[in-house]
Amino acid sequence: MNGDRDEGRGTRDASSPPPFLVPRPQSVGLCFTCRWTRLVTSRRGSTFYRCARAEVDPRFVRYPELPKLACDGYEEKS
């Protein structure tokens, strides 16, 4: 058995997710480029987009439905 191989899955860097799990901008919407977005990864490996604006402004939901196509709090990352 080869130590660099994950049995049945080939080789890849353990720190990067498989290509089919990397979200595309169109599947996330505005949250993909918003400065208020915080990525949260569960113990099971699921990734969620959390809105940090929700911590200080009740108009925003902590975990918005994606893709988010319009948002009053959107600010592009610099």
C-alpha atoms as a PDB file:
ATOM      1  CA  MET A   1       0.000   0.000   0.000  1.00  0.00           C
ATOM      2  CA  ASN A   2       1.311   3.431  -0.936  1.00  0.00           C
ATOM      3  CA  GLY A   3       1.253   5.991   1.931  1.00  0.00           C
ATOM      4  CA  ASP A   4       0.601   8.870  -0.501  1.00  0.00           C
ATOM      5  CA  ARG A   5      -2.548   7.282  -1.901  1.00  0.00           C
ATOM      6  CA  ASP A   6      -6.006   7.392  -0.448  1.00  0.00           C
ATOM      7  CA  GLU A   7      -7.274   3.899  -1.264  1.00  0.00           C
ATOM      8  CA  GLY A   8      -9.619   4.071  -4.243  1.00  0.00           C
ATOM      9  CA  ARG A   9      -9.471   7.845  -4.583  1.00  0.00           C
ATOM     10  CA  GLY A  10      -6.105   8.623  -6.154  1.00  0.00           C
ATOM     11  CA  THR A  11      -3.709  11.240  -4.839  1.00  0.00           C
ATOM     12  CA  ARG A  12      -4.351  14.822  -3.822  1.00  0.00           C
ATOM     13  CA  ASP A  13      -3.225  17.365  -1.278  1.00  0.00           C
ATOM     14  CA  ALA A  14      -5.133  16.692   1.957  1.00  0.00           C
ATOM     15  CA  SER A  15      -5.560  20.440   2.594  1.00  0.00           C
ATOM     16  CA  SER A  16      -7.541  21.099  -0.589  1.00  0.00           C
ATOM     17  CA  PRO A  17     -11.041  19.767  -1.230  1.00  0.00           C
ATOM     18  CA  PRO A  18     -11.755  17.596  -4.254  1.00  0.00           C
ATOM     19  CA  PRO A  19     -12.608  19.686  -7.344  1.00  0.00           C
ATOM     20  CA  PHE A  20     -16.284  18.669  -7.289  1.00  0.00           C
ATOM     21  CA  LEU A  21     -16.637  20.157  -3.766  1.00  0.00           C
ATOM     22  CA  VAL A  22     -15.165  23.579  -4.583  1.00  0.00           C
ATOM     23  CA  PRO A  23     -18.107  25.974  -5.017  1.00  0.00           C
ATOM     24  CA  ARG A  24     -18.359  28.030  -8.170  1.00  0.00           C
ATOM     25  CA  PRO A  25     -19.175  31.740  -7.823  1.00  0.00           C
ATOM     26  CA  GLN A  26     -22.532  31.301  -9.562  1.00  0.00           C
ATOM     27  CA  SER A  27     -23.626  28.684  -7.011  1.00  0.00           C
ATOM     28  CA  VAL A  28     -22.917  31.071  -4.096  1.00  0.00           C
ATOM     29  CA  GLY A  29     -23.849  34.408  -5.647  1.00  0.00           C
ATOM     30  CA  LEU A  30     -22.838  37.683  -3.991  1.00  0.00           C
ATOM     31  CA  CYS A  31     -21.600  35.922  -0.845  1.00  0.00           C
ATOM     32  CA  PHE A  32     -18.673  34.546  -2.847  1.00  0.00           C
ATOM     33  CA  THR A  33     -17.088  38.018  -3.075  1.00  0.00           C
ATOM     34  CA  CYS A  34     -18.602  39.777  -0.042  1.00  0.00           C
ATOM     35  CA  ARG A  35     -16.292  41.080   2.695  1.00  0.00           C
ATOM     36  CA  TRP A  36     -18.840  40.056   5.358  1.00  0.00           C
ATOM     37  CA  THR A  37     -18.788  36.369   4.427  1.00  0.00           C
ATOM     38  CA  ARG A  38     -17.174  33.909   6.825  1.00  0.00           C
ATOM     39  CA  LEU A  39     -16.644  30.317   5.750  1.00  0.00           C
ATOM     40  CA  VAL A  40     -17.645  27.757   8.359  1.00  0.00           C
ATOM     41  CA  THR A  41     -16.655  24.114   7.974  1.00  0.00           C
ATOM     42  CA  SER A  42     -18.418  21.460  10.027  1.00  0.00           C
ATOM     43  CA  ARG A  43     -16.710  18.464  11.604  1.00  0.00           C
ATOM     44  CA  ARG A  44     -18.168  16.374   8.790  1.00  0.00           C
ATOM     45  CA  GLY A  45     -16.530  18.546   6.147  1.00  0.00           C
ATOM     46  CA  SER A  46     -19.535  20.560   4.939  1.00  0.00           C
ATOM     47  CA  THR A  47     -18.863  24.226   4.184  1.00  0.00           C
ATOM     48  CA  PHE A  48     -21.354  26.979   4.959  1.00  0.00           C
ATOM     49  CA  TYR A  49     -21.339  30.691   4.150  1.00  0.00           C
ATOM     50  CA  ARG A  50     -22.077  32.744   7.276  1.00  0.00           C
ATOM     51  CA  CYS A  51     -22.986  36.426   7.097  1.00  0.00           C
ATOM     52  CA  ALA A  52     -21.047  38.400   9.730  1.00  0.00           C
ATOM     53  CA  ARG A  53     -23.439  41.351   9.228  1.00  0.00           C
ATOM     54  CA  ALA A  54     -26.083  39.267  11.003  1.00  0.00           C
ATOM     55  CA  GLU A  55     -24.092  39.641  14.239  1.00  0.00           C
ATOM     56  CA  VAL A  56     -24.712  43.403  14.348  1.00  0.00           C
ATOM     57  CA  ASP A  57     -27.785  43.930  12.161  1.00  0.00           C
ATOM     58  CA  PRO A  58     -30.979  41.881  12.628  1.00  0.00           C
ATOM     59  CA  ARG A  59     -32.044  42.500   9.009  1.00  0.00           C
ATOM     60  CA  PHE A  60     -29.550  39.863   7.876  1.00  0.00           C
ATOM     61  CA  VAL A  61     -29.755  36.119   8.393  1.00  0.00           C
ATOM     62  CA  ARG A  62     -26.724  34.273   9.713  1.00  0.00           C
ATOM     63  CA  TYR A  63     -26.795  31.572   7.016  1.00  0.00           C
ATOM     64  CA  PRO A  64     -28.507  32.976   3.890  1.00  0.00           C
ATOM     65  CA  GLU A  65     -30.013  30.807   1.169  1.00  0.00           C
ATOM     66  CA  LEU A  66     -27.642  30.481  -1.748  1.00  0.00           C
ATOM     67  CA  PRO A  67     -27.182  31.702  -4.364  1.00  0.00           C
ATOM     68  CA  LYS A  68     -27.678  35.204  -2.943  1.00  0.00           C
ATOM     69  CA  LEU A  69     -28.418  37.420  -5.945  1.00  0.00           C
ATOM     70  CA  ALA A  70     -29.324  40.665  -4.145  1.00  0.00           C
ATOM     71  CA  CYS A  71     -28.290  41.980  -0.723  1.00  0.00           C
ATOM     72  CA  ASP A  72     -28.506  45.431   0.881  1.00  0.00           C
ATOM     73  CA  GLY A  73     -25.414  44.703   2.984  1.00  0.00           C
ATOM     74  CA  TYR A  74     -23.139  43.520   0.195  1.00  0.00           C
ATOM     75  CA  GLU A  75     -19.633  45.029   0.136  1.00  0.00           C
ATOM     76  CA  GLU A  76     -17.055  43.641  -2.274  1.00  0.00           C
ATOM     77  CA  LYS A  77     -13.835  42.277  -0.738  1.00  0.00           C
ATOM     78  CA  SER A  78     -10.830  44.464  -1.362  1.00  0.00           C
END
